[in-house]
PDBML (XML) file of the C-alpha atoms, coordinates in Angstrom:
<?xml version="1.0" encoding="UTF-8" ?>
<PDBx:datablock datablockName="MODEL"
   xmlns:PDBx="http://pdbml.pdb.org/schema/pdbx-v50.xsd"
   xmlns:xsi="http://www.w3.org/2001/XMLSchema-instance"
   xsi:schemaLocation="http://pdbml.pdb.org/schema/pdbx-v50.xsd pdbx-v50.xsd">
   <PDBx:atom_siteCategory>
      <PDBx:atom_site id="1">
         <PDBx:B_iso_or_equiv>0.00</PDBx:B_iso_or_equiv>
         <PDBx:Cartn_x>-1.807</PDBx:Cartn_x>
         <PDBx:Cartn_y>-8.847</PDBx:Cartn_y>
         <PDBx:Cartn_z>14.444</PDBx:Cartn_z>
         <PDBx:auth_asym_id>A</PDBx:auth_asym_id>
         <PDBx:auth_atom_id>CA</PDBx:auth_atom_id>
         <PDBx:auth_comp_id>GLU</PDBx:auth_comp_id>
         <PDBx:auth_seq_id>1</PDBx:auth_seq_id>
         <PDBx:group_PDB>ATOM</PDBx:group_PDB>
         <PDBx:label_alt_id xsi:nil="true" />
         <PDBx:label_asym_id>A</PDBx:label_asym_id>
         <PDBx:label_atom_id>CA</PDBx:label_atom_id>
         <PDBx:label_comp_id>GLU</PDBx:label_comp_id>
         <PDBx:label_entity_id>1</PDBx:label_entity_id>
         <PDBx:label_seq_id>1</PDBx:label_seq_id>
         <PDBx:occupancy>1.00</PDBx:occupancy>
         <PDBx:pdbx_PDB_model_num>1</PDBx:pdbx_PDB_model_num>
         <PDBx:type_symbol>C</PDBx:type_symbol>
      </PDBx:atom_site>
      <PDBx:atom_site id="2">
         <PDBx:B_iso_or_equiv>0.00</PDBx:B_iso_or_equiv>
         <PDBx:Cartn_x>-1.732</PDBx:Cartn_x>
         <PDBx:Cartn_y>-5.154</PDBx:Cartn_y>
         <PDBx:Cartn_z>13.548</PDBx:Cartn_z>
         <PDBx:auth_asym_id>A</PDBx:auth_asym_id>
         <PDBx:auth_atom_id>CA</PDBx:auth_atom_id>
         <PDBx:auth_comp_id>MET</PDBx:auth_comp_id>
         <PDBx:auth_seq_id>2</PDBx:auth_seq_id>
         <PDBx:group_PDB>ATOM</PDBx:group_PDB>
         <PDBx:label_alt_id xsi:nil="true" />
         <PDBx:label_asym_id>A</PDBx:label_asym_id>
         <PDBx:label_atom_id>CA</PDBx:label_atom_id>
         <PDBx:label_comp_id>MET</PDBx:label_comp_id>
         <PDBx:label_entity_id>1</PDBx:label_entity_id>
         <PDBx:label_seq_id>2</PDBx:label_seq_id>
         <PDBx:occupancy>1.00</PDBx:occupancy>
         <PDBx:pdbx_PDB_model_num>1</PDBx:pdbx_PDB_model_num>
         <PDBx:type_symbol>C</PDBx:type_symbol>
      </PDBx:atom_site>
      <PDBx:atom_site id="3">
         <PDBx:B_iso_or_equiv>0.00</PDBx:B_iso_or_equiv>
         <PDBx:Cartn_x>1.341</PDBx:Cartn_x>
         <PDBx:Cartn_y>-5.583</PDBx:Cartn_y>
         <PDBx:Cartn_z>11.330</PDBx:Cartn_z>
         <PDBx:auth_asym_id>A</PDBx:auth_asym_id>
         <PDBx:auth_atom_id>CA</PDBx:auth_atom_id>
         <PDBx:auth_comp_id>LEU</PDBx:auth_comp_id>
         <PDBx:auth_seq_id>3</PDBx:auth_seq_id>
         <PDBx:group_PDB>ATOM</PDBx:group_PDB>
         <PDBx:label_alt_id xsi:nil="true" />
         <PDBx:label_asym_id>A</PDBx:label_asym_id>
         <PDBx:label_atom_id>CA</PDBx:label_atom_id>
         <PDBx:label_comp_id>LEU</PDBx:label_comp_id>
         <PDBx:label_entity_id>1</PDBx:label_entity_id>
         <PDBx:label_seq_id>3</PDBx:label_seq_id>
         <PDBx:occupancy>1.00</PDBx:occupancy>
         <PDBx:pdbx_PDB_model_num>1</PDBx:pdbx_PDB_model_num>
         <PDBx:type_symbol>C</PDBx:type_symbol>
      </PDBx:atom_site>
      <PDBx:atom_site id="4">
         <PDBx:B_iso_or_equiv>0.00</PDBx:B_iso_or_equiv>
         <PDBx:Cartn_x>-0.195</PDBx:Cartn_x>
         <PDBx:Cartn_y>-8.575</PDBx:Cartn_y>
         <PDBx:Cartn_z>9.545</PDBx:Cartn_z>
         <PDBx:auth_asym_id>A</PDBx:auth_asym_id>
         <PDBx:auth_atom_id>CA</PDBx:auth_atom_id>
         <PDBx:auth_comp_id>ILE</PDBx:auth_comp_id>
         <PDBx:auth_seq_id>4</PDBx:auth_seq_id>
         <PDBx:group_PDB>ATOM</PDBx:group_PDB>
         <PDBx:label_alt_id xsi:nil="true" />
         <PDBx:label_asym_id>A</PDBx:label_asym_id>
         <PDBx:label_atom_id>CA</PDBx:label_atom_id>
         <PDBx:label_comp_id>ILE</PDBx:label_comp_id>
         <PDBx:label_entity_id>1</PDBx:label_entity_id>
         <PDBx:label_seq_id>4</PDBx:label_seq_id>
         <PDBx:occupancy>1.00</PDBx:occupancy>
         <PDBx:pdbx_PDB_model_num>1</PDBx:pdbx_PDB_model_num>
         <PDBx:type_symbol>C</PDBx:type_symbol>
      </PDBx:atom_site>
      <PDBx:atom_site id="5">
         <PDBx:B_iso_or_equiv>0.00</PDBx:B_iso_or_equiv>
         <PDBx:Cartn_x>-3.475</PDBx:Cartn_x>
         <PDBx:Cartn_y>-6.704</PDBx:Cartn_y>
         <PDBx:Cartn_z>9.038</PDBx:Cartn_z>
         <PDBx:auth_asym_id>A</PDBx:auth_asym_id>
         <PDBx:auth_atom_id>CA</PDBx:auth_atom_id>
         <PDBx:auth_comp_id>ALA</PDBx:auth_comp_id>
         <PDBx:auth_seq_id>5</PDBx:auth_seq_id>
         <PDBx:group_PDB>ATOM</PDBx:group_PDB>
         <PDBx:label_alt_id xsi:nil="true" />
         <PDBx:label_asym_id>A</PDBx:label_asym_id>
         <PDBx:label_atom_id>CA</PDBx:label_atom_id>
         <PDBx:label_comp_id>ALA</PDBx:label_comp_id>
         <PDBx:label_entity_id>1</PDBx:label_entity_id>
         <PDBx:label_seq_id>5</PDBx:label_seq_id>
         <PDBx:occupancy>1.00</PDBx:occupancy>
         <PDBx:pdbx_PDB_model_num>1</PDBx:pdbx_PDB_model_num>
         <PDBx:type_symbol>C</PDBx:type_symbol>
      </PDBx:atom_site>
      <PDBx:atom_site id="6">
         <PDBx:B_iso_or_equiv>0.00</PDBx:B_iso_or_equiv>
         <PDBx:Cartn_x>-1.598</PDBx:Cartn_x>
         <PDBx:Cartn_y>-3.710</PDBx:Cartn_y>
         <PDBx:Cartn_z>7.651</PDBx:Cartn_z>
         <PDBx:auth_asym_id>A</PDBx:auth_asym_id>
         <PDBx:auth_atom_id>CA</PDBx:auth_atom_id>
         <PDBx:auth_comp_id>GLU</PDBx:auth_comp_id>
         <PDBx:auth_seq_id>6</PDBx:auth_seq_id>
         <PDBx:group_PDB>ATOM</PDBx:group_PDB>
         <PDBx:label_alt_id xsi:nil="true" />
         <PDBx:label_asym_id>A</PDBx:label_asym_id>
         <PDBx:label_atom_id>CA</PDBx:label_atom_id>
         <PDBx:label_comp_id>GLU</PDBx:label_comp_id>
         <PDBx:label_entity_id>1</PDBx:label_entity_id>
         <PDBx:label_seq_id>6</PDBx:label_seq_id>
         <PDBx:occupancy>1.00</PDBx:occupancy>
         <PDBx:pdbx_PDB_model_num>1</PDBx:pdbx_PDB_model_num>
         <PDBx:type_symbol>C</PDBx:type_symbol>
      </PDBx:atom_site>
      <PDBx:atom_site id="7">
         <PDBx:B_iso_or_equiv>0.00</PDBx:B_iso_or_equiv>
         <PDBx:Cartn_x>0.406</PDBx:Cartn_x>
         <PDBx:Cartn_y>-5.955</PDBx:Cartn_y>
         <PDBx:Cartn_z>5.308</PDBx:Cartn_z>
         <PDBx:auth_asym_id>A</PDBx:auth_asym_id>
         <PDBx:auth_atom_id>CA</PDBx:auth_atom_id>
         <PDBx:auth_comp_id>ALA</PDBx:auth_comp_id>
         <PDBx:auth_seq_id>7</PDBx:auth_seq_id>
         <PDBx:group_PDB>ATOM</PDBx:group_PDB>
         <PDBx:label_alt_id xsi:nil="true" />
         <PDBx:label_asym_id>A</PDBx:label_asym_id>
         <PDBx:label_atom_id>CA</PDBx:label_atom_id>
         <PDBx:label_comp_id>ALA</PDBx:label_comp_id>
         <PDBx:label_entity_id>1</PDBx:label_entity_id>
         <PDBx:label_seq_id>7</PDBx:label_seq_id>
         <PDBx:occupancy>1.00</PDBx:occupancy>
         <PDBx:pdbx_PDB_model_num>1</PDBx:pdbx_PDB_model_num>
         <PDBx:type_symbol>C</PDBx:type_symbol>
      </PDBx:atom_site>
      <PDBx:atom_site id="8">
         <PDBx:B_iso_or_equiv>0.00</PDBx:B_iso_or_equiv>
         <PDBx:Cartn_x>-2.775</PDBx:Cartn_x>
         <PDBx:Cartn_y>-7.558</PDBx:Cartn_y>
         <PDBx:Cartn_z>3.995</PDBx:Cartn_z>
         <PDBx:auth_asym_id>A</PDBx:auth_asym_id>
         <PDBx:auth_atom_id>CA</PDBx:auth_atom_id>
         <PDBx:auth_comp_id>THR</PDBx:auth_comp_id>
         <PDBx:auth_seq_id>8</PDBx:auth_seq_id>
         <PDBx:group_PDB>ATOM</PDBx:group_PDB>
         <PDBx:label_alt_id xsi:nil="true" />
         <PDBx:label_asym_id>A</PDBx:label_asym_id>
         <PDBx:label_atom_id>CA</PDBx:label_atom_id>
         <PDBx:label_comp_id>THR</PDBx:label_comp_id>
         <PDBx:label_entity_id>1</PDBx:label_entity_id>
         <PDBx:label_seq_id>8</PDBx:label_seq_id>
         <PDBx:occupancy>1.00</PDBx:occupancy>
         <PDBx:pdbx_PDB_model_num>1</PDBx:pdbx_PDB_model_num>
         <PDBx:type_symbol>C</PDBx:type_symbol>
      </PDBx:atom_site>
      <PDBx:atom_site id="9">
         <PDBx:B_iso_or_equiv>0.00</PDBx:B_iso_or_equiv>
         <PDBx:Cartn_x>-4.354</PDBx:Cartn_x>
         <PDBx:Cartn_y>-4.139</PDBx:Cartn_y>
         <PDBx:Cartn_z>3.483</PDBx:Cartn_z>
         <PDBx:auth_asym_id>A</PDBx:auth_asym_id>
         <PDBx:auth_atom_id>CA</PDBx:auth_atom_id>
         <PDBx:auth_comp_id>HIS</PDBx:auth_comp_id>
         <PDBx:auth_seq_id>9</PDBx:auth_seq_id>
         <PDBx:group_PDB>ATOM</PDBx:group_PDB>
         <PDBx:label_alt_id xsi:nil="true" />
         <PDBx:label_asym_id>A</PDBx:label_asym_id>
         <PDBx:label_atom_id>CA</PDBx:label_atom_id>
         <PDBx:label_comp_id>HIS</PDBx:label_comp_id>
         <PDBx:label_entity_id>1</PDBx:label_entity_id>
         <PDBx:label_seq_id>9</PDBx:label_seq_id>
         <PDBx:occupancy>1.00</PDBx:occupancy>
         <PDBx:pdbx_PDB_model_num>1</PDBx:pdbx_PDB_model_num>
         <PDBx:type_symbol>C</PDBx:type_symbol>
      </PDBx:atom_site>
      <PDBx:atom_site id="10">
         <PDBx:B_iso_or_equiv>0.00</PDBx:B_iso_or_equiv>
         <PDBx:Cartn_x>-1.276</PDBx:Cartn_x>
         <PDBx:Cartn_y>-2.731</PDBx:Cartn_y>
         <PDBx:Cartn_z>1.738</PDBx:Cartn_z>
         <PDBx:auth_asym_id>A</PDBx:auth_asym_id>
         <PDBx:auth_atom_id>CA</PDBx:auth_atom_id>
         <PDBx:auth_comp_id>MET</PDBx:auth_comp_id>
         <PDBx:auth_seq_id>10</PDBx:auth_seq_id>
         <PDBx:group_PDB>ATOM</PDBx:group_PDB>
         <PDBx:label_alt_id xsi:nil="true" />
         <PDBx:label_asym_id>A</PDBx:label_asym_id>
         <PDBx:label_atom_id>CA</PDBx:label_atom_id>
         <PDBx:label_comp_id>MET</PDBx:label_comp_id>
         <PDBx:label_entity_id>1</PDBx:label_entity_id>
         <PDBx:label_seq_id>10</PDBx:label_seq_id>
         <PDBx:occupancy>1.00</PDBx:occupancy>
         <PDBx:pdbx_PDB_model_num>1</PDBx:pdbx_PDB_model_num>
         <PDBx:type_symbol>C</PDBx:type_symbol>
      </PDBx:atom_site>
      <PDBx:atom_site id="11">
         <PDBx:B_iso_or_equiv>0.00</PDBx:B_iso_or_equiv>
         <PDBx:Cartn_x>-1.197</PDBx:Cartn_x>
         <PDBx:Cartn_y>-5.678</PDBx:Cartn_y>
         <PDBx:Cartn_z>-0.676</PDBx:Cartn_z>
         <PDBx:auth_asym_id>A</PDBx:auth_asym_id>
         <PDBx:auth_atom_id>CA</PDBx:auth_atom_id>
         <PDBx:auth_comp_id>LEU</PDBx:auth_comp_id>
         <PDBx:auth_seq_id>11</PDBx:auth_seq_id>
         <PDBx:group_PDB>ATOM</PDBx:group_PDB>
         <PDBx:label_alt_id xsi:nil="true" />
         <PDBx:label_asym_id>A</PDBx:label_asym_id>
         <PDBx:label_atom_id>CA</PDBx:label_atom_id>
         <PDBx:label_comp_id>LEU</PDBx:label_comp_id>
         <PDBx:label_entity_id>1</PDBx:label_entity_id>
         <PDBx:label_seq_id>11</PDBx:label_seq_id>
         <PDBx:occupancy>1.00</PDBx:occupancy>
         <PDBx:pdbx_PDB_model_num>1</PDBx:pdbx_PDB_model_num>
         <PDBx:type_symbol>C</PDBx:type_symbol>
      </PDBx:atom_site>
      <PDBx:atom_site id="12">
         <PDBx:B_iso_or_equiv>0.00</PDBx:B_iso_or_equiv>
         <PDBx:Cartn_x>-4.856</PDBx:Cartn_x>
         <PDBx:Cartn_y>-5.030</PDBx:Cartn_y>
         <PDBx:Cartn_z>-1.505</PDBx:Cartn_z>
         <PDBx:auth_asym_id>A</PDBx:auth_asym_id>
         <PDBx:auth_atom_id>CA</PDBx:auth_atom_id>
         <PDBx:auth_comp_id>GLU</PDBx:auth_comp_id>
         <PDBx:auth_seq_id>12</PDBx:auth_seq_id>
         <PDBx:group_PDB>ATOM</PDBx:group_PDB>
         <PDBx:label_alt_id xsi:nil="true" />
         <PDBx:label_asym_id>A</PDBx:label_asym_id>
         <PDBx:label_atom_id>CA</PDBx:label_atom_id>
         <PDBx:label_comp_id>GLU</PDBx:label_comp_id>
         <PDBx:label_entity_id>1</PDBx:label_entity_id>
         <PDBx:label_seq_id>12</PDBx:label_seq_id>
         <PDBx:occupancy>1.00</PDBx:occupancy>
         <PDBx:pdbx_PDB_model_num>1</PDBx:pdbx_PDB_model_num>
         <PDBx:type_symbol>C</PDBx:type_symbol>
      </PDBx:atom_site>
      <PDBx:atom_site id="13">
         <PDBx:B_iso_or_equiv>0.00</PDBx:B_iso_or_equiv>
         <PDBx:Cartn_x>-3.962</PDBx:Cartn_x>
         <PDBx:Cartn_y>-1.387</PDBx:Cartn_y>
         <PDBx:Cartn_z>-2.228</PDBx:Cartn_z>
         <PDBx:auth_asym_id>A</PDBx:auth_asym_id>
         <PDBx:auth_atom_id>CA</PDBx:auth_atom_id>
         <PDBx:auth_comp_id>ILE</PDBx:auth_comp_id>
         <PDBx:auth_seq_id>13</PDBx:auth_seq_id>
         <PDBx:group_PDB>ATOM</PDBx:group_PDB>
         <PDBx:label_alt_id xsi:nil="true" />
         <PDBx:label_asym_id>A</PDBx:label_asym_id>
         <PDBx:label_atom_id>CA</PDBx:label_atom_id>
         <PDBx:label_comp_id>ILE</PDBx:label_comp_id>
         <PDBx:label_entity_id>1</PDBx:label_entity_id>
         <PDBx:label_seq_id>13</PDBx:label_seq_id>
         <PDBx:occupancy>1.00</PDBx:occupancy>
         <PDBx:pdbx_PDB_model_num>1</PDBx:pdbx_PDB_model_num>
         <PDBx:type_symbol>C</PDBx:type_symbol>
      </PDBx:atom_site>
      <PDBx:atom_site id="14">
         <PDBx:B_iso_or_equiv>0.00</PDBx:B_iso_or_equiv>
         <PDBx:Cartn_x>-0.943</PDBx:Cartn_x>
         <PDBx:Cartn_y>-2.465</PDBx:Cartn_y>
         <PDBx:Cartn_z>-4.323</PDBx:Cartn_z>
         <PDBx:auth_asym_id>A</PDBx:auth_asym_id>
         <PDBx:auth_atom_id>CA</PDBx:auth_atom_id>
         <PDBx:auth_comp_id>ALA</PDBx:auth_comp_id>
         <PDBx:auth_seq_id>14</PDBx:auth_seq_id>
         <PDBx:group_PDB>ATOM</PDBx:group_PDB>
         <PDBx:label_alt_id xsi:nil="true" />
         <PDBx:label_asym_id>A</PDBx:label_asym_id>
         <PDBx:label_atom_id>CA</PDBx:label_atom_id>
         <PDBx:label_comp_id>ALA</PDBx:label_comp_id>
         <PDBx:label_entity_id>1</PDBx:label_entity_id>
         <PDBx:label_seq_id>14</PDBx:label_seq_id>
         <PDBx:occupancy>1.00</PDBx:occupancy>
         <PDBx:pdbx_PDB_model_num>1</PDBx:pdbx_PDB_model_num>
         <PDBx:type_symbol>C</PDBx:type_symbol>
      </PDBx:atom_site>
      <PDBx:atom_site id="15">
         <PDBx:B_iso_or_equiv>0.00</PDBx:B_iso_or_equiv>
         <PDBx:Cartn_x>-3.260</PDBx:Cartn_x>
         <PDBx:Cartn_y>-4.511</PDBx:Cartn_y>
         <PDBx:Cartn_z>-6.539</PDBx:Cartn_z>
         <PDBx:auth_asym_id>A</PDBx:auth_asym_id>
         <PDBx:auth_atom_id>CA</PDBx:auth_atom_id>
         <PDBx:auth_comp_id>ALA</PDBx:auth_comp_id>
         <PDBx:auth_seq_id>15</PDBx:auth_seq_id>
         <PDBx:group_PDB>ATOM</PDBx:group_PDB>
         <PDBx:label_alt_id xsi:nil="true" />
         <PDBx:label_asym_id>A</PDBx:label_asym_id>
         <PDBx:label_atom_id>CA</PDBx:label_atom_id>
         <PDBx:label_comp_id>ALA</PDBx:label_comp_id>
         <PDBx:label_entity_id>1</PDBx:label_entity_id>
         <PDBx:label_seq_id>15</PDBx:label_seq_id>
         <PDBx:occupancy>1.00</PDBx:occupancy>
         <PDBx:pdbx_PDB_model_num>1</PDBx:pdbx_PDB_model_num>
         <PDBx:type_symbol>C</PDBx:type_symbol>
      </PDBx:atom_site>
      <PDBx:atom_site id="16">
         <PDBx:B_iso_or_equiv>0.00</PDBx:B_iso_or_equiv>
         <PDBx:Cartn_x>-5.129</PDBx:Cartn_x>
         <PDBx:Cartn_y>-1.330</PDBx:Cartn_y>
         <PDBx:Cartn_z>-7.545</PDBx:Cartn_z>
         <PDBx:auth_asym_id>A</PDBx:auth_asym_id>
         <PDBx:auth_atom_id>CA</PDBx:auth_atom_id>
         <PDBx:auth_comp_id>ARG</PDBx:auth_comp_id>
         <PDBx:auth_seq_id>16</PDBx:auth_seq_id>
         <PDBx:group_PDB>ATOM</PDBx:group_PDB>
         <PDBx:label_alt_id xsi:nil="true" />
         <PDBx:label_asym_id>A</PDBx:label_asym_id>
         <PDBx:label_atom_id>CA</PDBx:label_atom_id>
         <PDBx:label_comp_id>ARG</PDBx:label_comp_id>
         <PDBx:label_entity_id>1</PDBx:label_entity_id>
         <PDBx:label_seq_id>16</PDBx:label_seq_id>
         <PDBx:occupancy>1.00</PDBx:occupancy>
         <PDBx:pdbx_PDB_model_num>1</PDBx:pdbx_PDB_model_num>
         <PDBx:type_symbol>C</PDBx:type_symbol>
      </PDBx:atom_site>
      <PDBx:atom_site id="17">
         <PDBx:B_iso_or_equiv>0.00</PDBx:B_iso_or_equiv>
         <PDBx:Cartn_x>-3.854</PDBx:Cartn_x>
         <PDBx:Cartn_y>1.100</PDBx:Cartn_y>
         <PDBx:Cartn_z>-10.178</PDBx:Cartn_z>
         <PDBx:auth_asym_id>A</PDBx:auth_asym_id>
         <PDBx:auth_atom_id>CA</PDBx:auth_atom_id>
         <PDBx:auth_comp_id>PRO</PDBx:auth_comp_id>
         <PDBx:auth_seq_id>17</PDBx:auth_seq_id>
         <PDBx:group_PDB>ATOM</PDBx:group_PDB>
         <PDBx:label_alt_id xsi:nil="true" />
         <PDBx:label_asym_id>A</PDBx:label_asym_id>
         <PDBx:label_atom_id>CA</PDBx:label_atom_id>
         <PDBx:label_comp_id>PRO</PDBx:label_comp_id>
         <PDBx:label_entity_id>1</PDBx:label_entity_id>
         <PDBx:label_seq_id>17</PDBx:label_seq_id>
         <PDBx:occupancy>1.00</PDBx:occupancy>
         <PDBx:pdbx_PDB_model_num>1</PDBx:pdbx_PDB_model_num>
         <PDBx:type_symbol>C</PDBx:type_symbol>
      </PDBx:atom_site>
      <PDBx:atom_site id="18">
         <PDBx:B_iso_or_equiv>0.00</PDBx:B_iso_or_equiv>
         <PDBx:Cartn_x>-1.566</PDBx:Cartn_x>
         <PDBx:Cartn_y>3.723</PDBx:Cartn_y>
         <PDBx:Cartn_z>-8.632</PDBx:Cartn_z>
         <PDBx:auth_asym_id>A</PDBx:auth_asym_id>
         <PDBx:auth_atom_id>CA</PDBx:auth_atom_id>
         <PDBx:auth_comp_id>PRO</PDBx:auth_comp_id>
         <PDBx:auth_seq_id>18</PDBx:auth_seq_id>
         <PDBx:group_PDB>ATOM</PDBx:group_PDB>
         <PDBx:label_alt_id xsi:nil="true" />
         <PDBx:label_asym_id>A</PDBx:label_asym_id>
         <PDBx:label_atom_id>CA</PDBx:label_atom_id>
         <PDBx:label_comp_id>PRO</PDBx:label_comp_id>
         <PDBx:label_entity_id>1</PDBx:label_entity_id>
         <PDBx:label_seq_id>18</PDBx:label_seq_id>
         <PDBx:occupancy>1.00</PDBx:occupancy>
         <PDBx:pdbx_PDB_model_num>1</PDBx:pdbx_PDB_model_num>
         <PDBx:type_symbol>C</PDBx:type_symbol>
      </PDBx:atom_site>
      <PDBx:atom_site id="19">
         <PDBx:B_iso_or_equiv>0.00</PDBx:B_iso_or_equiv>
         <PDBx:Cartn_x>-3.252</PDBx:Cartn_x>
         <PDBx:Cartn_y>7.064</PDBx:Cartn_y>
         <PDBx:Cartn_z>-7.882</PDBx:Cartn_z>
         <PDBx:auth_asym_id>A</PDBx:auth_asym_id>
         <PDBx:auth_atom_id>CA</PDBx:auth_atom_id>
         <PDBx:auth_comp_id>ARG</PDBx:auth_comp_id>
         <PDBx:auth_seq_id>19</PDBx:auth_seq_id>
         <PDBx:group_PDB>ATOM</PDBx:group_PDB>
         <PDBx:label_alt_id xsi:nil="true" />
         <PDBx:label_asym_id>A</PDBx:label_asym_id>
         <PDBx:label_atom_id>CA</PDBx:label_atom_id>
         <PDBx:label_comp_id>ARG</PDBx:label_comp_id>
         <PDBx:label_entity_id>1</PDBx:label_entity_id>
         <PDBx:label_seq_id>19</PDBx:label_seq_id>
         <PDBx:occupancy>1.00</PDBx:occupancy>
         <PDBx:pdbx_PDB_model_num>1</PDBx:pdbx_PDB_model_num>
         <PDBx:type_symbol>C</PDBx:type_symbol>
      </PDBx:atom_site>
      <PDBx:atom_site id="20">
         <PDBx:B_iso_or_equiv>0.00</PDBx:B_iso_or_equiv>
         <PDBx:Cartn_x>-0.312</PDBx:Cartn_x>
         <PDBx:Cartn_y>9.271</PDBx:Cartn_y>
         <PDBx:Cartn_z>-7.041</PDBx:Cartn_z>
         <PDBx:auth_asym_id>A</PDBx:auth_asym_id>
         <PDBx:auth_atom_id>CA</PDBx:auth_atom_id>
         <PDBx:auth_comp_id>VAL</PDBx:auth_comp_id>
         <PDBx:auth_seq_id>20</PDBx:auth_seq_id>
         <PDBx:group_PDB>ATOM</PDBx:group_PDB>
         <PDBx:label_alt_id xsi:nil="true" />
         <PDBx:label_asym_id>A</PDBx:label_asym_id>
         <PDBx:label_atom_id>CA</PDBx:label_atom_id>
         <PDBx:label_comp_id>VAL</PDBx:label_comp_id>
         <PDBx:label_entity_id>1</PDBx:label_entity_id>
         <PDBx:label_seq_id>20</PDBx:label_seq_id>
         <PDBx:occupancy>1.00</PDBx:occupancy>
         <PDBx:pdbx_PDB_model_num>1</PDBx:pdbx_PDB_model_num>
         <PDBx:type_symbol>C</PDBx:type_symbol>
      </PDBx:atom_site>
      <PDBx:atom_site id="21">
         <PDBx:B_iso_or_equiv>0.00</PDBx:B_iso_or_equiv>
         <PDBx:Cartn_x>3.417</PDBx:Cartn_x>
         <PDBx:Cartn_y>9.404</PDBx:Cartn_y>
         <PDBx:Cartn_z>-7.612</PDBx:Cartn_z>
         <PDBx:auth_asym_id>A</PDBx:auth_asym_id>
         <PDBx:auth_atom_id>CA</PDBx:auth_atom_id>
         <PDBx:auth_comp_id>ASP</PDBx:auth_comp_id>
         <PDBx:auth_seq_id>21</PDBx:auth_seq_id>
         <PDBx:group_PDB>ATOM</PDBx:group_PDB>
         <PDBx:label_alt_id xsi:nil="true" />
         <PDBx:label_asym_id>A</PDBx:label_asym_id>
         <PDBx:label_atom_id>CA</PDBx:label_atom_id>
         <PDBx:label_comp_id>ASP</PDBx:label_comp_id>
         <PDBx:label_entity_id>1</PDBx:label_entity_id>
         <PDBx:label_seq_id>21</PDBx:label_seq_id>
         <PDBx:occupancy>1.00</PDBx:occupancy>
         <PDBx:pdbx_PDB_model_num>1</PDBx:pdbx_PDB_model_num>
         <PDBx:type_symbol>C</PDBx:type_symbol>
      </PDBx:atom_site>
      <PDBx:atom_site id="22">
         <PDBx:B_iso_or_equiv>0.00</PDBx:B_iso_or_equiv>
         <PDBx:Cartn_x>5.830</PDBx:Cartn_x>
         <PDBx:Cartn_y>9.592</PDBx:Cartn_y>
         <PDBx:Cartn_z>-4.697</PDBx:Cartn_z>
         <PDBx:auth_asym_id>A</PDBx:auth_asym_id>
         <PDBx:auth_atom_id>CA</PDBx:auth_atom_id>
         <PDBx:auth_comp_id>LYS</PDBx:auth_comp_id>
         <PDBx:auth_seq_id>22</PDBx:auth_seq_id>
         <PDBx:group_PDB>ATOM</PDBx:group_PDB>
         <PDBx:label_alt_id xsi:nil="true" />
         <PDBx:label_asym_id>A</PDBx:label_asym_id>
         <PDBx:label_atom_id>CA</PDBx:label_atom_id>
         <PDBx:label_comp_id>LYS</PDBx:label_comp_id>
         <PDBx:label_entity_id>1</PDBx:label_entity_id>
         <PDBx:label_seq_id>22</PDBx:label_seq_id>
         <PDBx:occupancy>1.00</PDBx:occupancy>
         <PDBx:pdbx_PDB_model_num>1</PDBx:pdbx_PDB_model_num>
         <PDBx:type_symbol>C</PDBx:type_symbol>
      </PDBx:atom_site>
      <PDBx:atom_site id="23">
         <PDBx:B_iso_or_equiv>0.00</PDBx:B_iso_or_equiv>
         <PDBx:Cartn_x>8.545</PDBx:Cartn_x>
         <PDBx:Cartn_y>12.176</PDBx:Cartn_y>
         <PDBx:Cartn_z>-5.158</PDBx:Cartn_z>
         <PDBx:auth_asym_id>A</PDBx:auth_asym_id>
         <PDBx:auth_atom_id>CA</PDBx:auth_atom_id>
         <PDBx:auth_comp_id>VAL</PDBx:auth_comp_id>
         <PDBx:auth_seq_id>23</PDBx:auth_seq_id>
         <PDBx:group_PDB>ATOM</PDBx:group_PDB>
         <PDBx:label_alt_id xsi:nil="true" />
         <PDBx:label_asym_id>A</PDBx:label_asym_id>
         <PDBx:label_atom_id>CA</PDBx:label_atom_id>
         <PDBx:label_comp_id>VAL</PDBx:label_comp_id>
         <PDBx:label_entity_id>1</PDBx:label_entity_id>
         <PDBx:label_seq_id>23</PDBx:label_seq_id>
         <PDBx:occupancy>1.00</PDBx:occupancy>
         <PDBx:pdbx_PDB_model_num>1</PDBx:pdbx_PDB_model_num>
         <PDBx:type_symbol>C</PDBx:type_symbol>
      </PDBx:atom_site>
      <PDBx:atom_site id="24">
         <PDBx:B_iso_or_equiv>0.00</PDBx:B_iso_or_equiv>
         <PDBx:Cartn_x>11.745</PDBx:Cartn_x>
         <PDBx:Cartn_y>12.091</PDBx:Cartn_y>
         <PDBx:Cartn_z>-3.115</PDBx:Cartn_z>
         <PDBx:auth_asym_id>A</PDBx:auth_asym_id>
         <PDBx:auth_atom_id>CA</PDBx:auth_atom_id>
         <PDBx:auth_comp_id>TYR</PDBx:auth_comp_id>
         <PDBx:auth_seq_id>24</PDBx:auth_seq_id>
         <PDBx:group_PDB>ATOM</PDBx:group_PDB>
         <PDBx:label_alt_id xsi:nil="true" />
         <PDBx:label_asym_id>A</PDBx:label_asym_id>
         <PDBx:label_atom_id>CA</PDBx:label_atom_id>
         <PDBx:label_comp_id>TYR</PDBx:label_comp_id>
         <PDBx:label_entity_id>1</PDBx:label_entity_id>
         <PDBx:label_seq_id>24</PDBx:label_seq_id>
         <PDBx:occupancy>1.00</PDBx:occupancy>
         <PDBx:pdbx_PDB_model_num>1</PDBx:pdbx_PDB_model_num>
         <PDBx:type_symbol>C</PDBx:type_symbol>
      </PDBx:atom_site>
      <PDBx:atom_site id="25">
         <PDBx:B_iso_or_equiv>0.00</PDBx:B_iso_or_equiv>
         <PDBx:Cartn_x>14.258</PDBx:Cartn_x>
         <PDBx:Cartn_y>14.934</PDBx:Cartn_y>
         <PDBx:Cartn_z>-2.951</PDBx:Cartn_z>
         <PDBx:auth_asym_id>A</PDBx:auth_asym_id>
         <PDBx:auth_atom_id>CA</PDBx:auth_atom_id>
         <PDBx:auth_comp_id>TYR</PDBx:auth_comp_id>
         <PDBx:auth_seq_id>25</PDBx:auth_seq_id>
         <PDBx:group_PDB>ATOM</PDBx:group_PDB>
         <PDBx:label_alt_id xsi:nil="true" />
         <PDBx:label_asym_id>A</PDBx:label_asym_id>
         <PDBx:label_atom_id>CA</PDBx:label_atom_id>
         <PDBx:label_comp_id>TYR</PDBx:label_comp_id>
         <PDBx:label_entity_id>1</PDBx:label_entity_id>
         <PDBx:label_seq_id>25</PDBx:label_seq_id>
         <PDBx:occupancy>1.00</PDBx:occupancy>
         <PDBx:pdbx_PDB_model_num>1</PDBx:pdbx_PDB_model_num>
         <PDBx:type_symbol>C</PDBx:type_symbol>
      </PDBx:atom_site>
   </PDBx:atom_siteCategory>
</PDBx:datablock>
């Protein structure tokens, strides 16, 4: 249930315009 709830939440966030860049070194 927690994983499914997180997935649903993350897809809602993904639908919004990005706020920050992720930088990997």
